[in-house]
Each structure stands twice: as structure tokens, then as C-alpha cells.
Protein backbone atom coordinates (compact mmCIF):
# COMPACT_ATOMS: atom_id res chain seq x y z
CA MET A 1 40.95 -1.15 -7.17
CA PRO A 2 41.67 2.55 -6.69
CA PRO A 3 39.42 4.37 -4.19
CA LEU A 4 36.11 5.39 -5.75
CA ASN A 5 36.38 8.97 -4.44
CA ALA A 6 39.76 9.35 -6.14
CA LEU A 7 38.32 8.13 -9.45
CA LYS A 8 35.37 10.53 -9.14
CA ALA A 9 37.74 13.43 -8.43
CA PHE A 10 39.93 12.48 -11.42
CA GLU A 11 36.95 12.18 -13.82
CA ALA A 12 35.42 15.48 -12.75
CA ALA A 13 38.77 17.32 -12.91
CA ALA A 14 39.46 15.93 -16.39
CA ARG A 15 36.01 16.89 -17.63
CA HIS A 16 36.21 20.45 -16.28
CA GLU A 17 39.99 20.81 -16.74
CA SER A 18 39.90 22.43 -13.33
CA PHE A 19 40.26 21.25 -9.75
CA THR A 20 38.15 24.21 -8.61
CA ARG A 21 35.13 23.43 -10.82
CA ALA A 22 35.45 19.72 -10.02
CA ALA A 23 35.35 20.59 -6.32
CA GLU A 24 32.18 22.67 -6.83
CA GLU A 25 30.49 19.76 -8.59
CA LEU A 26 31.49 17.25 -5.94
CA CYS A 27 30.68 19.62 -3.06
CA VAL A 28 34.20 19.36 -1.57
CA THR A 29 37.15 21.72 -1.34
CA GLN A 30 39.61 22.34 -4.16
CA GLY A 31 42.33 20.99 -1.92
CA ALA A 32 40.43 17.73 -1.40
CA VAL A 33 40.15 17.15 -5.16
CA SER A 34 43.85 17.92 -5.65
CA HIS A 35 44.77 15.56 -2.83
CA GLN A 36 42.62 12.74 -4.24
CA VAL A 37 44.12 13.12 -7.73
CA LYS A 38 47.70 13.21 -6.39
CA ALA A 39 47.04 10.09 -4.31
CA LEU A 40 45.69 8.35 -7.43
CA GLU A 41 48.79 9.37 -9.42
CA VAL A 42 51.01 7.94 -6.68
CA GLU A 43 49.07 4.68 -6.59
CA LEU A 44 49.17 4.30 -10.39
CA GLY A 45 52.72 5.57 -10.76
CA LEU A 46 51.57 7.83 -13.60
CA LYS A 47 51.20 11.54 -14.16
CA LEU A 48 47.53 12.16 -14.98
CA PHE A 49 47.68 15.95 -15.32
CA HIS A 50 50.24 18.62 -16.24
CA ARG A 51 50.03 22.09 -14.71
CA GLU A 52 50.82 24.58 -17.48
CA ARG A 53 50.58 28.33 -16.80
CA GLN A 54 47.92 27.83 -14.13
CA ARG A 55 45.99 25.54 -16.48
CA LEU A 56 45.23 21.89 -15.86
CA VAL A 57 46.08 19.77 -18.90
CA ILE A 58 45.37 16.05 -18.97
CA SER A 59 48.35 13.86 -19.89
CA ASP A 60 48.33 11.13 -22.54
CA ALA A 61 48.23 8.52 -19.80
CA GLY A 62 45.42 10.44 -18.10
CA ARG A 63 43.42 10.60 -21.34
CA THR A 64 43.77 6.85 -21.84
CA TYR A 65 42.77 6.16 -18.23
CA LEU A 66 39.85 8.59 -18.49
CA GLU A 67 38.27 6.40 -21.17
CA VAL A 68 38.44 3.43 -18.82
CA VAL A 69 37.04 5.36 -15.87
CA ARG A 70 34.21 6.90 -17.87
CA ASP A 71 33.27 3.52 -19.32
CA ALA A 72 33.16 2.05 -15.82
CA PHE A 73 31.03 4.93 -14.51
CA ASP A 74 28.68 4.65 -17.49
CA ARG A 75 28.26 0.94 -16.84
CA LEU A 76 27.56 1.60 -13.17
CA ALA A 77 24.99 4.27 -14.05
CA ALA A 78 23.28 2.04 -16.62
CA GLY A 79 23.21 -0.93 -14.26
CA THR A 80 21.81 1.19 -11.45
CA GLU A 81 19.13 2.61 -13.74
CA ARG A 82 18.09 -0.88 -14.85
CA LEU A 83 17.92 -2.02 -11.23
CA LEU A 84 15.79 0.98 -10.23
CA GLN A 85 13.50 0.42 -13.20
CA ARG A 86 12.95 -3.17 -12.14
CA GLN A 87 12.12 -1.97 -8.63
CA SER A 88 9.74 0.68 -9.98
CA SER A 89 8.05 -1.56 -12.53
CA GLY A 90 7.68 -5.20 -13.44
CA VAL A 91 5.61 -7.81 -11.64
CA LEU A 92 3.99 -6.91 -8.31
CA THR A 93 2.30 -9.86 -6.61
CA VAL A 94 -0.32 -9.00 -4.00
CA SER A 95 -1.96 -11.44 -1.61
CA THR A 96 -5.33 -10.71 -0.03
CA SER A 97 -8.42 -12.46 1.25
CA PRO A 98 -11.16 -13.55 -1.19
CA ASP A 99 -13.61 -11.17 0.55
CA PHE A 100 -11.38 -8.12 0.20
CA ALA A 101 -10.52 -9.00 -3.39
CA ALA A 102 -14.17 -9.49 -4.40
CA LYS A 103 -15.83 -6.59 -2.57
CA TRP A 104 -13.11 -3.92 -2.57
CA LEU A 105 -10.14 -4.54 -4.84
CA VAL A 106 -11.12 -6.19 -8.12
CA HIS A 107 -13.41 -3.49 -9.54
CA ARG A 108 -10.67 -0.87 -9.01
CA LEU A 109 -7.85 -2.70 -10.80
CA GLY A 110 -8.61 -1.18 -14.20
CA ALA A 111 -8.01 2.30 -12.83
CA PHE A 112 -4.70 1.22 -11.31
CA ALA A 113 -3.55 -0.43 -14.54
CA GLU A 114 -4.39 2.72 -16.50
CA ALA A 115 -2.51 4.95 -14.06
CA HIS A 116 0.50 2.63 -13.72
CA PRO A 117 1.00 0.59 -16.91
CA GLU A 118 4.61 -0.07 -15.93
CA ILE A 119 3.49 -2.37 -13.07
CA ASP A 120 2.33 -5.88 -13.92
CA LEU A 121 -0.07 -6.51 -11.03
CA ARG A 122 -0.85 -10.06 -9.94
CA VAL A 123 -3.51 -10.68 -7.26
CA SER A 124 -3.64 -13.91 -5.28
CA ALA A 125 -6.79 -14.40 -3.17
CA THR A 126 -6.15 -16.76 -0.29
CA MET A 127 -7.17 -17.22 3.32
CA HIS A 128 -3.73 -18.06 4.70
CA HIS A 129 -1.17 -15.45 5.70
CA VAL A 130 1.67 -15.69 3.21
CA ASP A 131 5.25 -16.32 4.28
CA PHE A 132 7.15 -13.56 2.50
CA ALA A 133 10.43 -15.42 2.96
CA ARG A 134 9.18 -18.55 1.17
CA GLU A 135 6.48 -17.33 -1.22
CA ASP A 136 6.81 -15.11 -4.27
CA VAL A 137 4.61 -12.32 -2.87
CA ASP A 138 5.59 -8.65 -2.62
CA LEU A 139 2.75 -7.21 -0.54
CA ALA A 140 -0.38 -8.38 1.27
CA VAL A 141 -3.60 -6.88 2.59
CA ARG A 142 -4.38 -8.60 5.88
CA HIS A 143 -7.26 -8.37 8.33
CA GLY A 144 -6.10 -8.14 11.91
CA GLU A 145 -4.70 -5.81 14.56
CA GLY A 146 -1.50 -4.89 12.72
CA ASN A 147 0.94 -6.68 15.03
CA TRP A 148 2.98 -8.90 12.72
CA PRO A 149 6.64 -8.98 13.88
CA GLY A 150 9.19 -8.20 11.19
CA LEU A 151 6.66 -6.71 8.79
CA ASP A 152 5.92 -3.12 7.83
CA ALA A 153 2.18 -2.60 8.47
CA VAL A 154 0.11 0.44 7.44
CA ARG A 155 -3.58 0.60 8.37
CA LEU A 156 -5.84 0.91 5.35
CA ALA A 157 -8.91 2.29 7.13
CA ALA A 158 -10.80 2.26 10.40
CA GLU A 159 -13.78 -0.09 10.50
CA GLN A 160 -17.14 -0.46 12.16
CA LEU A 161 -19.86 -3.08 12.04
CA PHE A 162 -23.42 -2.00 11.19
CA PRO A 163 -26.64 -3.27 9.55
CA VAL A 164 -27.05 -2.94 5.77
CA CYS A 165 -29.85 -3.97 3.44
CA SER A 166 -31.43 -3.17 0.11
CA PRO A 167 -33.33 0.15 -0.15
CA LYS A 168 -36.59 -1.76 -0.64
CA LEU A 169 -36.16 -3.80 2.53
CA ALA A 170 -35.07 -0.70 4.47
CA ALA A 171 -38.53 0.81 3.92
CA ARG A 172 -39.94 -1.88 6.25
CA LEU A 173 -37.57 -1.00 9.10
CA LYS A 174 -38.59 1.89 11.37
CA GLN A 175 -36.84 0.86 14.58
CA PRO A 176 -34.27 -1.81 15.54
CA ALA A 177 -36.95 -4.15 16.92
CA ASP A 178 -38.34 -4.46 13.38
CA LEU A 179 -35.25 -6.50 12.50
CA LEU A 180 -36.82 -9.44 14.32
CA ARG A 181 -39.55 -9.52 11.65
CA VAL A 182 -37.27 -9.72 8.60
CA PRO A 183 -34.63 -12.27 7.55
CA LEU A 184 -31.22 -11.69 9.12
CA LEU A 185 -28.08 -12.84 7.32
CA HIS A 186 -25.37 -14.37 9.52
CA ILE A 187 -21.64 -15.03 9.19
CA ASP A 188 -20.44 -18.32 10.71
CA ASP A 189 -22.86 -18.05 13.65
CA ARG A 190 -25.49 -15.71 15.08
CA LYS A 191 -23.28 -14.07 17.74
CA ARG A 192 -22.65 -10.83 15.80
CA TRP A 193 -26.34 -10.07 15.41
CA GLN A 194 -27.06 -10.92 19.03
CA GLN A 195 -24.27 -8.54 20.11
CA TRP A 196 -25.61 -5.69 17.96
CA LEU A 197 -29.22 -6.19 19.09
CA ASP A 198 -28.14 -6.28 22.75
CA ALA A 199 -26.22 -3.03 22.21
CA VAL A 200 -29.34 -1.21 20.93
CA GLY A 201 -31.59 -2.60 23.63
CA VAL A 202 -33.43 -5.28 21.65
CA THR A 203 -33.14 -8.12 24.16
CA GLY A 204 -35.09 -11.09 25.44
CA ARG A 205 -35.48 -12.84 22.08
CA GLU A 206 -33.31 -15.64 20.79
CA LEU A 207 -32.24 -15.50 17.16
CA SER A 208 -33.02 -18.69 15.33
CA GLY A 209 -33.82 -17.79 11.71
CA GLY A 210 -31.83 -16.64 8.72
CA PRO A 211 -29.11 -18.37 6.71
CA VAL A 212 -25.60 -18.73 8.13
CA LEU A 213 -22.87 -18.20 5.53
CA ASN A 214 -19.11 -18.43 5.91
CA ARG A 215 -17.96 -15.44 3.80
CA ASP A 216 -18.58 -11.75 4.38
CA SER A 217 -18.79 -11.18 0.64
CA MET A 218 -21.58 -13.76 0.34
CA VAL A 219 -23.57 -12.10 3.11
CA ILE A 220 -23.19 -8.64 1.53
CA ASP A 221 -24.21 -9.94 -1.91
CA ALA A 222 -27.27 -11.61 -0.39
CA ALA A 223 -28.20 -8.29 1.24
CA VAL A 224 -27.84 -6.48 -2.11
CA ASP A 225 -30.26 -9.03 -3.60
CA GLY A 226 -32.82 -8.20 -0.90
CA GLN A 227 -32.58 -11.55 0.84
CA GLY A 228 -32.22 -10.04 4.30
CA VAL A 229 -30.31 -7.62 6.52
CA ALA A 230 -26.58 -8.16 7.04
CA LEU A 231 -24.07 -6.90 9.55
CA ALA A 232 -21.27 -5.58 7.37
CA ARG A 233 -17.81 -4.17 7.91
CA THR A 234 -17.18 -0.65 6.62
CA THR A 235 -14.53 -1.54 4.04
CA LEU A 236 -16.37 -4.44 2.45
CA ALA A 237 -19.74 -2.64 2.28
CA ALA A 238 -18.40 0.72 1.09
CA THR A 239 -18.74 0.21 -2.67
CA ASP A 240 -22.33 -1.05 -2.47
CA LEU A 241 -23.29 1.75 -0.07
CA ILE A 242 -21.69 4.46 -2.23
CA ASN A 243 -23.44 3.13 -5.34
CA GLY A 244 -26.84 2.87 -3.61
CA ARG A 245 -27.18 -0.90 -3.78
CA LEU A 246 -27.17 -0.98 0.01
CA VAL A 247 -28.34 1.45 2.69
CA ARG A 248 -27.86 1.67 6.42
CA PRO A 249 -31.29 1.51 8.11
CA PHE A 250 -29.96 2.44 11.57
CA ALA A 251 -27.05 4.48 12.91
CA ASP A 252 -26.04 2.17 15.75
CA THR A 253 -22.55 0.78 15.24
CA ILE A 254 -20.17 -1.68 16.82
CA ALA A 255 -16.50 -0.69 16.65
CA ILE A 256 -14.16 -3.41 15.44
CA ALA A 257 -10.71 -4.03 16.88
CA LYS A 258 -9.49 -5.69 13.68
CA THR A 259 -9.25 -3.94 10.33
CA TYR A 260 -7.34 -4.16 7.06
CA TRP A 261 -3.59 -3.52 6.94
CA ILE A 262 -1.14 -3.21 4.06
CA VAL A 263 1.87 -5.35 4.96
CA CYS A 264 5.21 -6.24 3.42
CA PRO A 265 8.72 -7.07 4.65
CA LYS A 266 10.44 -4.07 6.23
CA ALA A 267 13.41 -4.60 3.91
CA THR A 268 11.27 -3.96 0.81
CA ALA A 269 8.84 -1.36 2.17
CA ALA A 270 10.57 1.48 0.31
CA LEU A 271 10.74 -0.19 -3.11
CA PRO A 272 9.16 2.20 -5.62
CA LYS A 273 6.54 -0.24 -6.95
CA ILE A 274 5.45 -1.13 -3.41
CA VAL A 275 5.32 2.54 -2.42
CA THR A 276 3.22 3.23 -5.52
CA PHE A 277 0.70 0.48 -4.86
CA ARG A 278 0.46 1.20 -1.13
CA GLY A 279 -0.14 4.89 -1.86
CA TRP A 280 -2.84 4.00 -4.37
CA LEU A 281 -4.59 1.71 -1.86
CA LEU A 282 -4.57 4.45 0.78
CA ALA A 283 -5.88 7.04 -1.70
CA GLU A 284 -8.74 4.73 -2.70
CA ALA A 285 -9.63 4.12 0.95
CA LYS A 286 -9.60 7.88 1.60
CA ARG A 287 -11.89 8.43 -1.39
CA ASP A 288 -14.32 5.86 0.02
CA GLU A 289 -14.25 7.58 3.41
CA LYS A 290 -15.15 10.93 1.86
CA ALA A 291 -17.92 9.40 -0.26
CA MET A 292 -19.37 7.58 2.75
CA ALA A 293 -19.41 10.82 4.73
CA LYS A 294 -21.62 12.41 2.07
CA LEU A 295 -24.26 9.67 2.29
CA ALA A 296 -27.49 10.44 4.11
CA ARG A 297 -27.04 9.75 7.81
CA PRO A 298 -28.84 6.54 8.77
CA ARG A 299 -31.74 7.00 11.10
CA GLY A 300 -31.60 5.64 14.61
CA THR A 301 -33.61 5.76 17.79
CA ALA A 302 -30.50 6.02 19.97
CA PRO A 303 -27.02 7.51 19.74
CA ILE A 304 -24.34 5.38 18.16
CA ARG A 305 -23.12 2.81 20.64
CA ARG A 306 -19.71 1.24 20.44
CA ALA A 307 -18.54 -2.09 21.77
CA SER A 308 -15.62 -4.34 20.96
CA ALA A 309 -15.93 -6.89 18.18
CA GLY A 310 -13.42 -9.12 16.50
């Protein structure tokens, strides 16, 4: 195969009938184009151009070869375009937890599909962390601290843990101690509520009542239905808070070390369809943040306290 640079110089010179204009197009010197073409002529053993009265005239052999070179370049361009189109569009498989899918992602998918009809989005809700090398998954939204070796990880949003309940139930809550007189909704165990109550100074009472559920989405939905007060993470509660189905009765908050991250293999992080979806996720999270900031500040008897929570 002749050197690609020599073929590019030959094609440009033949199209412009000028080494000078070919050099301008290729951003090299006129001498470099002339040298490349001469080297190609030597390698082929053919005269590709004639110099007539300071004009560059393509030879019969050059004209025949030009058809071959242009066809090859056209095929390369078409193949590259098809490859880029497949990277920009087609199927995009996303893995996320059932909680994130149910409370944050699913109700937004229509807007994404309308904005990006070229991407065929597939969402797989699962609790296990996918193995990108073995599973047909392009991108995942994971809950953690962002330290997954070999993966590109971008934080979706900062998170906190705070009480939420229905507006009707909130009317019965004037101070944190009132929480001991209403049903509390628990996730897995009662440690989260005990930690929050200790942080706001409600101590000396053991928590024994209230259902214990094993999914954050279940606890939030129960709170929306007025069944009790839940401790919710910012991301999962945002939609219900913004739409008024939930309110925050108190301002006190526990900071959370873990939050949601957008992850994918480093090798594919720059693929157009992944860049598009990641950018859309971040824009949606930013929109939630702005909407949450406009909500009425929850009342509280003490400044916001922060402690570490998983």
C-alpha cells in the first residue's frame, strides 16, 4: 500500500490542478505536496502529472489512478460516517437500581425519547453491579462513593438524608419530638431514624413502632400515601417534593457519604450516545436542584446538623 499522506497529496493536487492549492487545503507546504507526489510516482513507476507552462496537468495514468484513489477515500468516508452514526445512535442499555429507576428515571424517559429519537434506550433495573466486560450494558447509575477502578465515574448530585411526609401529616409536626407520636417508616432497620433523632437532640426513647421495608422507593411511596414519616435521600425524594406530594417538616439533615454516580468503561466514555445520555442525566439533576432550592424552607428548631451516613 502506498503511504496515505502521499495518496492524500495526489488526490488534492489532482482536484485543484495545483500543488500550491493542495498544500493550502492540507495545511502543509507546497514543497511537501510536491515531494509526496514525486515519491508516489517513484513507487508506482508512473508519471502522474505533467508540468506544462507552469500548469499542472494530470496524466492518463494519473487520471485512471485518481478514480481508484477517490473511490477508496469515498469508501473510507462512508464507512467512518456509518461507524460514527452507530456510536451516536442505536441501542443504549442503561443499568440502574430499582429505586432510582422508579423514583427518578422512569417518568423522565418520555422527554429523553422526544429529544433524542435516534437513541433506542433500554433500562435494566437490577441490584447487582454489572460487569461491563461480560454484560451487554453501556452505562450504569450506581449508588456509592465513586471509587470503581477502571471505570469513568461522574457524580450525579450531592445527597442528604432528611424527614419527609405528606402535607396533611406535616400539620401535626411542630417540633422534632412530635415524630415520636406519629408512625415512622423505616428502611431495613431503625438505625437511620435513631441517628437523625439523636442528631436533633431527641434522645432517651427507643424506637419500636413503624413498618420496616427493604426499598427506599417503598418507604417514599408510603410517605406520599400519608402512612408515616420517612427519612429520604435527596435524589429519590426530589420529584415528590417538587410536585408537592411530600414536604419536609424539619430542616435538620444528615449528610450522606454515598450518592449516585454515572459510570461506564473509560474506553467508551467519549462515545457520542453515552455523552448525550450522561449530559441529559446531569441536566435533569441540575433542574431538580434548582427546583428544590425554590421550595419553602422547612422549619426547624435548630440549625441544620450534619453527620456521616452510609
